[in-house]
Amino acid sequence: MSTLSQIHHPETKVQFKQILIATDFSASSQCALTYALSLARRYGSTLSVVHAMAPEPREPIPLERLPRELNVPRLDAERQMHQLAENARLDIVDHHLIIKQGPVWDVLSSIIERENVDLLVLGTRGRGGLKKLALGSIAEQVLRLAPCPVLTIGPHVPPPASGLIQFRGILFPTDFGRAADAAFPYALSIAEEHQARFVLLHMLPPMSLTDVSPGAYCPSPHAAEQFVKWQHSMREQSRLKLTKLLPSSAKLALEPEFIVRTDFLPEGILETAAIRRIDLIVMGANRTSSPRVSAHIPWALTHEVICRASCPVLTCMA
């Protein structure tokens, strides 16, 4: 393990003291609740389960609120919330059940700020088979705007086999940028906490001879040899940068793996996760000033990984 480090290893482990999960009572959100509950048990967290009811339509003449006993949508939401809590056995952790009316993000952001939430958990489901709609516009908006890390249980993530989840393999893909730096402490701390295999991955974009050598227009053994040397040099440099990320104070149960691949994104990340039997992908994502627009770019990296991954994805925005 390298004694060099470019990222300070926190003296205390990452703690998820306040976990918030949004639910619409669907199967996907129930699957996500299992993950949230397991993490709350492991970290001794307070778990807040919130359901955002649709805002009331605007009336030209303001109307008085319905008495509670006549508010059928709220009574139905309360019934489903208590049924969910009973089925999930939420009584084993400190928890709050919250039902608020309003736009989903407005409801979540107010709770995140008030409760100092450390982790937001989302369940997503596919819609219509289109990748760009696989998360749903609300989930994508929340992912882009959340000030805390977000654990997303994508449409291809199966329910956990047991109540207490063990992340045995953690994958940390990095481009050595600011967002990846923000995600690294979470990846390392979770790997330490779960005594997991820690796999650090850097992807080099595929390049042809014409990208690196004018002589490639007239292919020759010399041009091909130079290209191979260049590729080898880039791989070695990238691998060295990966090893420098890991501080000497890291307390990993197993030797970390440093992988440099030449492939397209996100295919390389997803294939590595499948080959290494990864249970959690931790990655940074760049924040955008237009979340609703950027969330629907079909080939956005974060979006694609979450849509297609068969394991949960933890994202940290920067």
C-alpha atoms as a PDB file:
ATOM      1  CA  MET A   1       0.000   0.000   0.000  1.00  0.00           C
ATOM      2  CA  SER A   2       1.456   3.364  -1.013  1.00  0.00           C
ATOM      3  CA  THR A   3       2.749   5.712   1.659  1.00  0.00           C
ATOM      4  CA  LEU A   4       2.014   8.691  -0.585  1.00  0.00           C
ATOM      5  CA  SER A   5      -1.357  10.398  -0.484  1.00  0.00           C
ATOM      6  CA  GLN A   6      -3.005  13.219  -2.356  1.00  0.00           C
ATOM      7  CA  ILE A   7      -6.243  13.050  -0.394  1.00  0.00           C
ATOM      8  CA  HIS A   8      -6.322  13.460   3.382  1.00  0.00           C
ATOM      9  CA  HIS A   9      -7.696  10.417   5.144  1.00  0.00           C
ATOM     10  CA  PRO A  10     -10.270  11.617   7.717  1.00  0.00           C
ATOM     11  CA  GLU A  11      -9.396  10.885  11.321  1.00  0.00           C
ATOM     12  CA  THR A  12     -12.963   9.727  11.916  1.00  0.00           C
ATOM     13  CA  LYS A  13     -14.938   7.429   9.678  1.00  0.00           C
ATOM     14  CA  VAL A  14     -17.813   8.697   7.621  1.00  0.00           C
ATOM     15  CA  GLN A  15     -20.962   8.508   9.703  1.00  0.00           C
ATOM     16  CA  PHE A  16     -24.517   8.455   8.438  1.00  0.00           C
ATOM     17  CA  LYS A  17     -26.249   9.747  11.567  1.00  0.00           C
ATOM     18  CA  GLN A  18     -29.335  10.978   9.743  1.00  0.00           C
ATOM     19  CA  ILE A  19     -30.648   8.943   6.808  1.00  0.00           C
ATOM     20  CA  LEU A  20     -33.610  10.092   4.745  1.00  0.00           C
ATOM     21  CA  ILE A  21     -35.516   7.896   2.311  1.00  0.00           C
ATOM     22  CA  ALA A  22     -38.243   9.106  -0.011  1.00  0.00           C
ATOM     23  CA  THR A  23     -41.052   6.668  -0.714  1.00  0.00           C
ATOM     24  CA  ASP A  24     -44.022   6.555  -3.064  1.00  0.00           C
ATOM     25  CA  PHE A  25     -45.001   3.122  -1.690  1.00  0.00           C
ATOM     26  CA  SER A  26     -43.910   1.429  -4.932  1.00  0.00           C
ATOM     27  CA  ALA A  27     -41.955  -1.836  -5.095  1.00  0.00           C
ATOM     28  CA  SER A  28     -38.793   0.071  -6.024  1.00  0.00           C
ATOM     29  CA  SER A  29     -39.016   2.357  -3.006  1.00  0.00           C
ATOM     30  CA  GLN A  30     -39.683  -0.628  -0.744  1.00  0.00           C
ATOM     31  CA  CYS A  31     -36.505  -2.250  -2.081  1.00  0.00           C
ATOM     32  CA  ALA A  32     -34.621   0.981  -1.349  1.00  0.00           C
ATOM     33  CA  LEU A  33     -36.069   1.038   2.167  1.00  0.00           C
ATOM     34  CA  THR A  34     -34.414  -2.318   2.879  1.00  0.00           C
ATOM     35  CA  TYR A  35     -31.034  -0.809   2.051  1.00  0.00           C
ATOM     36  CA  ALA A  36     -31.741   2.331   4.083  1.00  0.00           C
ATOM     37  CA  LEU A  37     -32.852   0.286   7.091  1.00  0.00           C
ATOM     38  CA  SER A  38     -29.774  -1.919   6.916  1.00  0.00           C
ATOM     39  CA  LEU A  39     -27.469   1.096   6.847  1.00  0.00           C
ATOM     40  CA  ALA A  40     -29.379   2.688   9.742  1.00  0.00           C
ATOM     41  CA  ARG A  41     -28.837  -0.486  11.786  1.00  0.00           C
ATOM     42  CA  ARG A  42     -25.129  -0.628  10.963  1.00  0.00           C
ATOM     43  CA  TYR A  43     -24.429   3.053  11.680  1.00  0.00           C
ATOM     44  CA  GLY A  44     -26.928   3.533  14.521  1.00  0.00           C
ATOM     45  CA  SER A  45     -28.680   6.159  12.420  1.00  0.00           C
ATOM     46  CA  THR A  46     -32.002   7.885  12.752  1.00  0.00           C
ATOM     47  CA  LEU A  47     -34.087   6.934   9.721  1.00  0.00           C
ATOM     48  CA  SER A  48     -36.654   9.371   8.349  1.00  0.00           C
ATOM     49  CA  VAL A  49     -39.180   7.976   5.864  1.00  0.00           C
ATOM     50  CA  VAL A  50     -40.938  10.711   3.908  1.00  0.00           C
ATOM     51  CA  HIS A  51     -43.820  10.653   1.466  1.00  0.00           C
ATOM     52  CA  ALA A  52     -44.578  13.810  -0.518  1.00  0.00           C
ATOM     53  CA  MET A  53     -48.228  14.184  -1.404  1.00  0.00           C
ATOM     54  CA  ALA A  54     -49.117  16.008  -4.600  1.00  0.00           C
ATOM     55  CA  PRO A  55     -49.758  19.712  -4.038  1.00  0.00           C
ATOM     56  CA  GLU A  56     -53.345  20.846  -4.045  1.00  0.00           C
ATOM     57  CA  PRO A  57     -54.437  22.472  -7.317  1.00  0.00           C
ATOM     58  CA  ARG A  58     -54.595  26.242  -7.226  1.00  0.00           C
ATOM     59  CA  GLU A  59     -58.091  27.601  -6.922  1.00  0.00           C
ATOM     60  CA  PRO A  60     -59.153  31.091  -8.051  1.00  0.00           C
ATOM     61  CA  ILE A  61     -60.844  31.444  -4.672  1.00  0.00           C
ATOM     62  CA  PRO A  62     -58.850  30.082  -1.707  1.00  0.00           C
ATOM     63  CA  LEU A  63     -60.691  27.245  -0.007  1.00  0.00           C
ATOM     64  CA  GLU A  64     -60.440  26.161   3.593  1.00  0.00           C
ATOM     65  CA  ARG A  65     -58.501  22.974   4.233  1.00  0.00           C
ATOM     66  CA  LEU A  66     -60.545  19.826   4.561  1.00  0.00           C
ATOM     67  CA  PRO A  67     -60.937  18.446   8.077  1.00  0.00           C
ATOM     68  CA  ARG A  68     -58.522  15.579   8.596  1.00  0.00           C
ATOM     69  CA  GLU A  69     -61.296  13.002   8.736  1.00  0.00           C
ATOM     70  CA  LEU A  70     -62.473  14.094   5.265  1.00  0.00           C
ATOM     71  CA  ASN A  71     -59.046  14.311   3.640  1.00  0.00           C
ATOM     72  CA  VAL A  72     -59.136  10.928   1.882  1.00  0.00           C
ATOM     73  CA  PRO A  73     -55.735  11.207   0.082  1.00  0.00           C
ATOM     74  CA  ARG A  74     -53.944  11.984   3.355  1.00  0.00           C
ATOM     75  CA  LEU A  75     -55.741   9.238   5.252  1.00  0.00           C
ATOM     76  CA  ASP A  76     -54.765   6.781   2.517  1.00  0.00           C
ATOM     77  CA  ALA A  77     -51.133   7.951   2.645  1.00  0.00           C
ATOM     78  CA  GLU A  78     -51.062   7.554   6.429  1.00  0.00           C
ATOM     79  CA  ARG A  79     -52.492   4.039   6.138  1.00  0.00           C
ATOM     80  CA  GLN A  80     -49.859   3.033   3.576  1.00  0.00           C
ATOM     81  CA  MET A  81     -47.075   4.624   5.614  1.00  0.00           C
ATOM     82  CA  HIS A  82     -47.968   2.743   8.786  1.00  0.00           C
ATOM     83  CA  GLN A  83     -48.361  -0.493   6.825  1.00  0.00           C
ATOM     84  CA  LEU A  84     -44.921   0.067   5.284  1.00  0.00           C
ATOM     85  CA  ALA A  85     -43.379   0.689   8.716  1.00  0.00           C
ATOM     86  CA  GLU A  86     -44.944  -2.480  10.104  1.00  0.00           C
ATOM     87  CA  ASN A  87     -43.897  -4.673   7.168  1.00  0.00           C
ATOM     88  CA  ALA A  88     -40.333  -3.328   7.185  1.00  0.00           C
ATOM     89  CA  ARG A  89     -40.023  -3.607  10.990  1.00  0.00           C
ATOM     90  CA  LEU A  90     -38.826  -0.052  11.354  1.00  0.00           C
ATOM     91  CA  ASP A  91     -39.230  -0.347  15.120  1.00  0.00           C
ATOM     92  CA  ILE A  92     -35.697  -1.830  15.307  1.00  0.00           C
ATOM     93  CA  VAL A  93     -34.198   1.624  14.604  1.00  0.00           C
ATOM     94  CA  ASP A  94     -34.939   5.169  15.682  1.00  0.00           C
ATOM     95  CA  HIS A  95     -37.233   6.438  12.949  1.00  0.00           C
ATOM     96  CA  HIS A  96     -39.660   9.138  11.895  1.00  0.00           C
ATOM     97  CA  LEU A  97     -42.580   8.828   9.491  1.00  0.00           C
ATOM     98  CA  ILE A  98     -43.232  12.054   7.614  1.00  0.00           C
ATOM     99  CA  ILE A  99     -46.062  12.932   5.247  1.00  0.00           C
ATOM    100  CA  LYS A 100     -45.967  16.399   3.725  1.00  0.00           C
ATOM    101  CA  GLN A 101     -47.810  18.005   0.880  1.00  0.00           C
ATOM    102  CA  GLY A 102     -45.886  19.760  -1.859  1.00  0.00           C
ATOM    103  CA  PRO A 103     -43.462  19.221  -4.750  1.00  0.00           C
ATOM    104  CA  VAL A 104     -41.136  16.309  -3.959  1.00  0.00           C
ATOM    105  CA  TRP A 105     -37.889  18.266  -4.045  1.00  0.00           C
ATOM    106  CA  ASP A 106     -39.330  21.098  -1.938  1.00  0.00           C
ATOM    107  CA  VAL A 107     -40.410  18.581   0.693  1.00  0.00           C
ATOM    108  CA  LEU A 108     -37.083  16.709   0.688  1.00  0.00           C
ATOM    109  CA  SER A 109     -34.867  19.800   0.714  1.00  0.00           C
ATOM    110  CA  SER A 110     -36.667  21.251   3.728  1.00  0.00           C
ATOM    111  CA  ILE A 111     -36.178  18.013   5.683  1.00  0.00           C
ATOM    112  CA  ILE A 112     -32.532  17.656   4.582  1.00  0.00           C
ATOM    113  CA  GLU A 113     -31.811  21.152   5.885  1.00  0.00           C
ATOM    114  CA  ARG A 114     -33.820  20.827   9.090  1.00  0.00           C
ATOM    115  CA  GLU A 115     -32.517  17.378  10.066  1.00  0.00           C
ATOM    116  CA  ASN A 116     -28.932  17.797   8.785  1.00  0.00           C
ATOM    117  CA  VAL A 117     -29.357  14.661   6.677  1.00  0.00           C
ATOM    118  CA  ASP A 118     -26.114  12.788   5.915  1.00  0.00           C
ATOM    119  CA  LEU A 119     -27.506  10.390   3.306  1.00  0.00           C
ATOM    120  CA  LEU A 120     -30.505  10.425   0.992  1.00  0.00           C
ATOM    121  CA  VAL A 121     -31.770   7.079  -0.348  1.00  0.00           C
ATOM    122  CA  LEU A 122     -33.834   6.788  -3.541  1.00  0.00           C
ATOM    123  CA  GLY A 123     -35.469   3.874  -5.292  1.00  0.00           C
ATOM    124  CA  THR A 124     -36.058   4.162  -9.035  1.00  0.00           C
ATOM    125  CA  ARG A 125     -37.938   2.175 -11.631  1.00  0.00           C
ATOM    126  CA  GLY A 126     -37.794   1.889 -15.403  1.00  0.00           C
ATOM    127  CA  ARG A 127     -40.467   3.477 -17.549  1.00  0.00           C
ATOM    128  CA  GLY A 128     -41.276   2.571 -21.122  1.00  0.00           C
ATOM    129  CA  GLY A 129     -37.922   0.939 -21.812  1.00  0.00           C
ATOM    130  CA  LEU A 130     -36.246   4.249 -22.649  1.00  0.00           C
ATOM    131  CA  LYS A 131     -32.907   4.708 -20.919  1.00  0.00           C
ATOM    132  CA  LYS A 132     -33.311   8.457 -20.615  1.00  0.00           C
ATOM    133  CA  LEU A 133     -36.533   7.896 -18.665  1.00  0.00           C
ATOM    134  CA  ALA A 134     -35.341   4.950 -16.606  1.00  0.00           C
ATOM    135  CA  LEU A 135     -34.918   6.959 -13.430  1.00  0.00           C
ATOM    136  CA  GLY A 136     -37.884   9.270 -13.715  1.00  0.00           C
ATOM    137  CA  SER A 137     -37.674  13.044 -13.766  1.00  0.00           C
ATOM    138  CA  ILE A 138     -38.193  13.467 -10.003  1.00  0.00           C
ATOM    139  CA  ALA A 139     -35.376  11.086  -9.068  1.00  0.00           C
ATOM    140  CA  GLU A 140     -33.039  12.773 -11.527  1.00  0.00           C
ATOM    141  CA  GLN A 141     -33.890  16.219 -10.198  1.00  0.00           C
ATOM    142  CA  VAL A 142     -33.211  15.089  -6.631  1.00  0.00           C
ATOM    143  CA  LEU A 143     -29.892  13.487  -7.661  1.00  0.00           C
ATOM    144  CA  ARG A 144     -28.696  16.739  -9.217  1.00  0.00           C
ATOM    145  CA  LEU A 145     -29.799  19.047  -6.404  1.00  0.00           C
ATOM    146  CA  ALA A 146     -29.163  17.085  -3.187  1.00  0.00           C
ATOM    147  CA  PRO A 147     -26.468  18.691  -0.988  1.00  0.00           C
ATOM    148  CA  CYS A 148     -25.673  15.322   0.634  1.00  0.00           C
ATOM    149  CA  PRO A 149     -24.579  11.972  -0.844  1.00  0.00           C
ATOM    150  CA  VAL A 150     -27.370  10.022  -2.554  1.00  0.00           C
ATOM    151  CA  LEU A 151     -27.656   6.234  -2.554  1.00  0.00           C
ATOM    152  CA  THR A 152     -29.689   5.238  -5.610  1.00  0.00           C
ATOM    153  CA  ILE A 153     -31.216   1.784  -5.964  1.00  0.00           C
ATOM    154  CA  GLY A 154     -31.583   1.551  -9.734  1.00  0.00           C
ATOM    155  CA  PRO A 155     -34.153  -0.391 -11.740  1.00  0.00           C
ATOM    156  CA  HIS A 156     -31.864  -3.434 -12.141  1.00  0.00           C
ATOM    157  CA  VAL A 157     -30.841  -3.783  -8.476  1.00  0.00           C
ATOM    158  CA  PRO A 158     -32.416  -6.879  -6.857  1.00  0.00           C
ATOM    159  CA  PRO A 159     -33.755  -6.794  -3.308  1.00  0.00           C
ATOM    160  CA  PRO A 160     -31.114  -7.862  -0.776  1.00  0.00           C
ATOM    161  CA  ALA A 161     -31.137 -11.515   0.207  1.00  0.00           C
ATOM    162  CA  SER A 162     -30.993 -10.718   3.935  1.00  0.00           C
ATOM    163  CA  GLY A 163     -31.984  -7.861   6.164  1.00  0.00           C
ATOM    164  CA  LEU A 164     -28.444  -6.794   7.038  1.00  0.00           C
ATOM    165  CA  ILE A 165     -26.566  -5.807   3.904  1.00  0.00           C
ATOM    166  CA  GLN A 166     -22.852  -6.471   3.548  1.00  0.00           C
ATOM    167  CA  PHE A 167     -20.999  -4.565   0.855  1.00  0.00           C
ATOM    168  CA  ARG A 168     -18.246  -7.061   0.061  1.00  0.00           C
ATOM    169  CA  GLY A 169     -16.868  -5.229  -2.965  1.00  0.00           C
ATOM    170  CA  ILE A 170     -16.633  -1.433  -3.414  1.00  0.00           C
ATOM    171  CA  LEU A 171     -15.820   0.101  -6.804  1.00  0.00           C
ATOM    172  CA  PHE A 172     -14.501   3.661  -6.966  1.00  0.00           C
ATOM    173  CA  PRO A 173     -14.203   4.960 -10.540  1.00  0.00           C
ATOM    174  CA  THR A 174     -12.280   8.224 -10.734  1.00  0.00           C
ATOM    175  CA  ASP A 175     -11.209  10.763 -13.319  1.00  0.00           C
ATOM    176  CA  PHE A 176      -9.039  12.465 -10.641  1.00  0.00           C
ATOM    177  CA  GLY A 177     -11.373  15.467 -10.716  1.00  0.00           C
ATOM    178  CA  ARG A 178     -12.989  17.531  -7.952  1.00  0.00           C
ATOM    179  CA  ALA A 179     -16.181  15.443  -7.820  1.00  0.00           C
ATOM    180  CA  ALA A 180     -14.220  12.195  -7.495  1.00  0.00           C
ATOM    181  CA  ASP A 181     -12.165  13.751  -4.690  1.00  0.00           C
ATOM    182  CA  ALA A 182     -15.405  14.497  -2.824  1.00  0.00           C
ATOM    183  CA  ALA A 183     -16.578  10.896  -3.210  1.00  0.00           C
ATOM    184  CA  PHE A 184     -13.307   9.199  -2.236  1.00  0.00           C
ATOM    185  CA  PRO A 185     -13.618   9.515   1.591  1.00  0.00           C
ATOM    186  CA  TYR A 186     -17.019   7.819   1.413  1.00  0.00           C
ATOM    187  CA  ALA A 187     -15.721   4.993  -0.767  1.00  0.00           C
ATOM    188  CA  LEU A 188     -12.735   4.348   1.506  1.00  0.00           C
ATOM    189  CA  SER A 189     -14.683   4.625   4.756  1.00  0.00           C
ATOM    190  CA  ILE A 190     -17.410   2.229   3.589  1.00  0.00           C
ATOM    191  CA  ALA A 191     -14.777  -0.225   2.378  1.00  0.00           C
ATOM    192  CA  GLU A 192     -13.116  -0.085   5.805  1.00  0.00           C
ATOM    193  CA  GLU A 193     -16.423  -0.365   7.675  1.00  0.00           C
ATOM    194  CA  HIS A 194     -17.539  -3.403   5.665  1.00  0.00           C
ATOM    195  CA  GLN A 195     -14.055  -4.966   5.396  1.00  0.00           C
ATOM    196  CA  ALA A 196     -14.677  -5.031   1.667  1.00  0.00           C
ATOM    197  CA  ARG A 197     -12.511  -5.436  -1.390  1.00  0.00           C
ATOM    198  CA  PHE A 198     -11.674  -1.910  -2.542  1.00  0.00           C
ATOM    199  CA  VAL A 199     -11.303  -1.517  -6.295  1.00  0.00           C
ATOM    200  CA  LEU A 200     -10.042   1.805  -7.679  1.00  0.00           C
ATOM    201  CA  LEU A 201     -10.646   2.310 -11.391  1.00  0.00           C
ATOM    202  CA  HIS A 202      -9.493   4.875 -13.950  1.00  0.00           C
ATOM    203  CA  MET A 203     -10.707   4.777 -17.526  1.00  0.00           C
ATOM    204  CA  LEU A 204      -8.525   5.931 -20.416  1.00  0.00           C
ATOM    205  CA  PRO A 205     -10.577   6.863 -23.478  1.00  0.00           C
ATOM    206  CA  PRO A 206      -9.854   4.721 -26.544  1.00  0.00           C
ATOM    207  CA  MET A 207      -7.574   6.506 -29.024  1.00  0.00           C
ATOM    208  CA  SER A 208      -6.407   5.627 -32.487  1.00  0.00           C
ATOM    209  CA  LEU A 209      -2.974   6.062 -34.035  1.00  0.00           C
ATOM    210  CA  THR A 210      -4.203   9.173 -35.862  1.00  0.00           C
ATOM    211  CA  ASP A 211      -4.854  10.869 -32.516  1.00  0.00           C
ATOM    212  CA  VAL A 212      -1.272  10.621 -31.311  1.00  0.00           C
ATOM    213  CA  SER A 213       1.039  10.377 -34.308  1.00  0.00           C
ATOM    214  CA  PRO A 214       1.178  12.171 -37.691  1.00  0.00           C
ATOM    215  CA  GLY A 215       3.015   9.122 -38.969  1.00  0.00           C
ATOM    216  CA  ALA A 216      -0.169   7.138 -38.512  1.00  0.00           C
ATOM    217  CA  TYR A 217      -1.425   8.404 -41.848  1.00  0.00           C
ATOM    218  CA  CYS A 218       1.322   6.265 -43.363  1.00  0.00           C
ATOM    219  CA  PRO A 219       1.253   3.302 -40.974  1.00  0.00           C
ATOM    220  CA  SER A 220       4.607   1.807 -40.191  1.00  0.00           C
ATOM    221  CA  PRO A 221       6.057  -0.574 -37.604  1.00  0.00           C
ATOM    222  CA  HIS A 222       7.707   2.453 -35.934  1.00  0.00           C
ATOM    223  CA  ALA A 223       4.379   4.333 -35.570  1.00  0.00           C
ATOM    224  CA  ALA A 224       2.691   1.273 -34.122  1.00  0.00           C
ATOM    225  CA  GLU A 225       5.562   0.750 -31.687  1.00  0.00           C
ATOM    226  CA  GLN A 226       5.376   4.389 -30.541  1.00  0.00           C
ATOM    227  CA  PHE A 227       1.642   4.062 -30.029  1.00  0.00           C
ATOM    228  CA  VAL A 228       2.052   0.961 -27.865  1.00  0.00           C
ATOM    229  CA  LYS A 229       4.722   2.727 -25.789  1.00  0.00           C
ATOM    230  CA  TRP A 230       2.451   5.743 -25.340  1.00  0.00           C
ATOM    231  CA  GLN A 231      -0.430   3.540 -24.190  1.00  0.00           C
ATOM    232  CA  HIS A 232       1.810   1.730 -21.717  1.00  0.00           C
ATOM    233  CA  SER A 233       3.125   5.044 -20.366  1.00  0.00           C
ATOM    234  CA  MET A 234      -0.395   6.425 -19.874  1.00  0.00           C
ATOM    235  CA  ARG A 235      -1.466   3.277 -18.070  1.00  0.00           C
ATOM    236  CA  GLU A 236       1.536   3.380 -15.722  1.00  0.00           C
ATOM    237  CA  GLN A 237       1.002   7.061 -14.951  1.00  0.00           C
ATOM    238  CA  SER A 238      -2.673   6.487 -14.221  1.00  0.00           C
ATOM    239  CA  ARG A 239      -1.978   3.486 -12.028  1.00  0.00           C
ATOM    240  CA  LEU A 240       0.559   5.504 -10.029  1.00  0.00           C
ATOM    241  CA  LYS A 241      -2.040   8.244  -9.511  1.00  0.00           C
ATOM    242  CA  LEU A 242      -4.476   5.632  -8.253  1.00  0.00           C
ATOM    243  CA  THR A 243      -2.016   4.285  -5.696  1.00  0.00           C
ATOM    244  CA  LYS A 244      -1.325   7.812  -4.468  1.00  0.00           C
ATOM    245  CA  LEU A 245      -4.986   8.262  -3.603  1.00  0.00           C
ATOM    246  CA  LEU A 246      -4.749   5.689  -0.835  1.00  0.00           C
ATOM    247  CA  PRO A 247      -3.252   7.019   2.426  1.00  0.00           C
ATOM    248  CA  SER A 248      -0.925   4.928   4.556  1.00  0.00           C
ATOM    249  CA  SER A 249      -3.442   5.227   7.402  1.00  0.00           C
ATOM    250  CA  ALA A 250      -6.112   3.311   5.460  1.00  0.00           C
ATOM    251  CA  LYS A 251      -7.360   0.264   7.365  1.00  0.00           C
ATOM    252  CA  LEU A 252      -8.502  -2.090   4.649  1.00  0.00           C
ATOM    253  CA  ALA A 253      -9.073  -5.773   5.357  1.00  0.00           C
ATOM    254  CA  LEU A 254      -7.794  -6.770   1.904  1.00  0.00           C
ATOM    255  CA  GLU A 255      -5.193  -5.430  -0.481  1.00  0.00           C
ATOM    256  CA  PRO A 256      -6.789  -2.840  -2.790  1.00  0.00           C
ATOM    257  CA  GLU A 257      -6.980  -3.346  -6.545  1.00  0.00           C
ATOM    258  CA  PHE A 258      -5.800  -0.610  -8.910  1.00  0.00           C
ATOM    259  CA  ILE A 259      -7.258  -0.983 -12.387  1.00  0.00           C
ATOM    260  CA  VAL A 260      -6.590   1.133 -15.478  1.00  0.00           C
ATOM    261  CA  ARG A 261      -8.713   0.309 -18.510  1.00  0.00           C
ATOM    262  CA  THR A 262      -9.027   1.653 -22.028  1.00  0.00           C
ATOM    263  CA  ASP A 263     -12.713   1.620 -22.823  1.00  0.00           C
ATOM    264  CA  PHE A 264     -15.730   3.798 -23.389  1.00  0.00           C
ATOM    265  CA  LEU A 265     -17.732   5.187 -20.490  1.00  0.00           C
ATOM    266  CA  PRO A 266     -19.870   3.923 -18.854  1.00  0.00           C
ATOM    267  CA  GLU A 267     -19.329   0.461 -20.339  1.00  0.00           C
ATOM    268  CA  GLY A 268     -15.926   0.086 -18.683  1.00  0.00           C
ATOM    269  CA  ILE A 269     -17.313   0.925 -15.241  1.00  0.00           C
ATOM    270  CA  LEU A 270     -20.269  -1.428 -15.557  1.00  0.00           C
ATOM    271  CA  GLU A 271     -18.167  -4.280 -16.949  1.00  0.00           C
ATOM    272  CA  THR A 272     -15.605  -3.902 -14.162  1.00  0.00           C
ATOM    273  CA  ALA A 273     -18.419  -3.951 -11.595  1.00  0.00           C
ATOM    274  CA  ALA A 274     -19.798  -7.162 -13.108  1.00  0.00           C
ATOM    275  CA  ILE A 275     -16.425  -8.931 -13.394  1.00  0.00           C
ATOM    276  CA  ARG A 276     -15.351  -7.978  -9.868  1.00  0.00           C
ATOM    277  CA  ARG A 277     -18.804  -8.780  -8.407  1.00  0.00           C
ATOM    278  CA  ILE A 278     -19.144  -5.326  -6.955  1.00  0.00           C
ATOM    279  CA  ASP A 279     -21.890  -4.638  -4.385  1.00  0.00           C
ATOM    280  CA  LEU A 280     -21.605  -0.832  -4.346  1.00  0.00           C
ATOM    281  CA  ILE A 281     -20.321   1.773  -6.806  1.00  0.00           C
ATOM    282  CA  VAL A 282     -19.191   5.069  -5.269  1.00  0.00           C
ATOM    283  CA  MET A 283     -18.596   7.909  -7.711  1.00  0.00           C
ATOM    284  CA  GLY A 284     -18.445  11.672  -7.944  1.00  0.00           C
ATOM    285  CA  ALA A 285     -20.766  13.669 -10.171  1.00  0.00           C
ATOM    286  CA  ASN A 286     -20.459  17.236 -11.352  1.00  0.00           C
ATOM    287  CA  ARG A 287     -23.218  19.531 -10.215  1.00  0.00           C
ATOM    288  CA  THR A 288     -25.055  21.443 -12.912  1.00  0.00           C
ATOM    289  CA  SER A 289     -26.925  24.722 -12.925  1.00  0.00           C
ATOM    290  CA  SER A 290     -29.735  23.191 -15.007  1.00  0.00           C
ATOM    291  CA  PRO A 291     -30.640  19.875 -13.353  1.00  0.00           C
ATOM    292  CA  ARG A 292     -33.884  19.309 -15.237  1.00  0.00           C
ATOM    293  CA  VAL A 293     -32.179  19.705 -18.612  1.00  0.00           C
ATOM    294  CA  SER A 294     -28.943  17.821 -17.937  1.00  0.00           C
ATOM    295  CA  ALA A 295     -30.798  14.972 -16.253  1.00  0.00           C
ATOM    296  CA  HIS A 296     -32.313  14.031 -19.608  1.00  0.00           C
ATOM    297  CA  ILE A 297     -29.101  13.918 -21.632  1.00  0.00           C
ATOM    298  CA  PRO A 298     -29.191  10.209 -22.600  1.00  0.00           C
ATOM    299  CA  TRP A 299     -25.444   9.559 -22.366  1.00  0.00           C
ATOM    300  CA  ALA A 300     -24.653  11.442 -19.184  1.00  0.00           C
ATOM    301  CA  LEU A 301     -22.229   9.190 -17.292  1.00  0.00           C
ATOM    302  CA  THR A 302     -23.851   9.222 -13.858  1.00  0.00           C
ATOM    303  CA  HIS A 303     -27.288   8.696 -15.334  1.00  0.00           C
ATOM    304  CA  GLU A 304     -26.164   5.746 -17.435  1.00  0.00           C
ATOM    305  CA  VAL A 305     -24.322   3.988 -14.608  1.00  0.00           C
ATOM    306  CA  ILE A 306     -27.309   4.253 -12.263  1.00  0.00           C
ATOM    307  CA  CYS A 307     -29.768   3.155 -14.955  1.00  0.00           C
ATOM    308  CA  ARG A 308     -27.799   0.049 -15.891  1.00  0.00           C
ATOM    309  CA  ALA A 309     -25.974  -0.996 -12.703  1.00  0.00           C
ATOM    310  CA  SER A 310     -27.032  -4.193 -10.942  1.00  0.00           C
ATOM    311  CA  CYS A 311     -25.855  -2.813  -7.594  1.00  0.00           C
ATOM    312  CA  PRO A 312     -26.592   0.398  -5.646  1.00  0.00           C
ATOM    313  CA  VAL A 313     -24.730   3.563  -6.661  1.00  0.00           C
ATOM    314  CA  LEU A 314     -23.619   6.208  -4.157  1.00  0.00           C
ATOM    315  CA  THR A 315     -23.078   9.609  -5.750  1.00  0.00           C
ATOM    316  CA  CYS A 316     -21.465  12.717  -4.310  1.00  0.00           C
ATOM    317  CA  MET A 317     -22.022  15.991  -6.132  1.00  0.00           C
ATOM    318  CA  ALA A 318     -19.308  18.643  -6.428  1.00  0.00           C
END
